[in-house]
């Protein structure tokens, strides 16, 4: 099991959820009930895996990210 962080920011709040899973796709199960427009970052330790925005129900738009981006929740 690997350790991940999902940092989500909506219109009025910011949350950080830590979880353990075999693969990072479990983060989508956690975030599926979020409102459209919610922004999220998925981290494995200090490595940023994905930046995304919920575009519609069951649809996430991925955004570019690169090695060396900010620490979890600060980018």
Protein backbone atom coordinates (compact mmCIF):
# COMPACT_ATOMS: atom_id res chain seq x y z
CA UNK A 1 0.00 0.00 0.00
CA UNK A 2 1.22 3.48 -0.86
CA UNK A 3 0.40 6.73 0.94
CA UNK A 4 -1.33 9.55 -0.97
CA UNK A 5 -2.74 13.01 -0.29
CA UNK A 6 -5.67 14.54 -2.10
CA UNK A 7 -5.84 18.32 -1.64
CA UNK A 8 -9.17 19.76 -2.77
CA UNK A 9 -10.32 23.36 -2.96
CA UNK A 10 -13.87 24.45 -3.69
CA UNK A 11 -15.59 27.82 -3.57
CA UNK A 12 -15.61 28.04 0.21
CA UNK A 13 -13.22 25.47 1.66
CA UNK A 14 -9.93 23.63 1.35
CA UNK A 15 -9.49 20.02 2.47
CA UNK A 16 -6.62 17.59 2.65
CA UNK A 17 -7.40 13.88 2.69
CA UNK A 18 -4.67 11.33 3.32
CA UNK A 19 -5.22 7.72 2.31
CA UNK A 20 -3.42 4.49 1.55
CA UNK A 21 -4.15 2.49 -1.59
CA UNK A 22 -2.51 0.16 -4.09
CA UNK A 23 -2.93 2.72 -6.90
CA UNK A 24 -3.64 6.48 -7.06
CA UNK A 25 -6.94 6.05 -8.96
CA UNK A 26 -8.69 5.53 -5.61
CA UNK A 27 -8.54 9.34 -5.27
CA UNK A 28 -11.28 9.65 -7.90
CA UNK A 29 -13.57 7.49 -5.77
CA UNK A 30 -12.96 9.84 -2.85
CA UNK A 31 -13.61 12.96 -4.93
CA UNK A 32 -16.59 11.75 -6.99
CA UNK A 33 -19.15 13.61 -4.81
CA UNK A 34 -17.40 16.96 -5.08
CA UNK A 35 -19.13 19.89 -6.76
CA UNK A 36 -18.33 20.92 -10.32
CA UNK A 37 -15.48 23.42 -10.34
CA UNK A 38 -13.63 21.78 -7.42
CA UNK A 39 -9.87 21.90 -7.94
CA UNK A 40 -7.69 19.04 -6.73
CA UNK A 41 -4.06 18.01 -6.47
CA UNK A 42 -3.03 14.38 -6.02
CA UNK A 43 0.29 13.72 -4.27
CA UNK A 44 2.33 10.61 -3.53
CA UNK A 45 4.67 11.78 -0.81
CA UNK A 46 6.42 14.86 -2.20
CA UNK A 47 5.69 13.96 -5.83
CA UNK A 48 2.78 15.74 -7.54
CA UNK A 49 0.91 13.16 -9.62
CA UNK A 50 -1.96 15.26 -10.99
CA UNK A 51 -3.72 18.61 -10.94
CA UNK A 52 -7.34 18.49 -11.98
CA UNK A 53 -10.68 20.30 -11.93
CA UNK A 54 -14.08 18.66 -11.80
CA UNK A 55 -15.68 19.76 -15.08
CA UNK A 56 -18.99 17.86 -14.76
CA UNK A 57 -20.37 14.78 -13.01
CA UNK A 58 -17.89 11.93 -13.56
CA UNK A 59 -15.58 14.16 -15.62
CA UNK A 60 -12.26 15.59 -14.43
CA UNK A 61 -10.08 17.90 -16.53
CA UNK A 62 -6.36 17.25 -16.04
CA UNK A 63 -3.92 20.19 -15.93
CA UNK A 64 -0.19 20.17 -16.69
CA UNK A 65 2.19 19.60 -13.80
CA UNK A 66 5.91 18.98 -13.67
CA UNK A 67 8.60 17.76 -11.32
CA UNK A 68 9.61 20.47 -8.88
CA UNK A 69 6.11 21.94 -8.45
CA UNK A 70 5.16 23.20 -4.98
CA UNK A 71 4.68 20.98 -1.93
CA UNK A 72 1.21 19.50 -1.28
CA UNK A 73 -1.48 22.13 -0.97
CA UNK A 74 0.72 25.13 -1.76
CA UNK A 75 0.71 25.17 -5.57
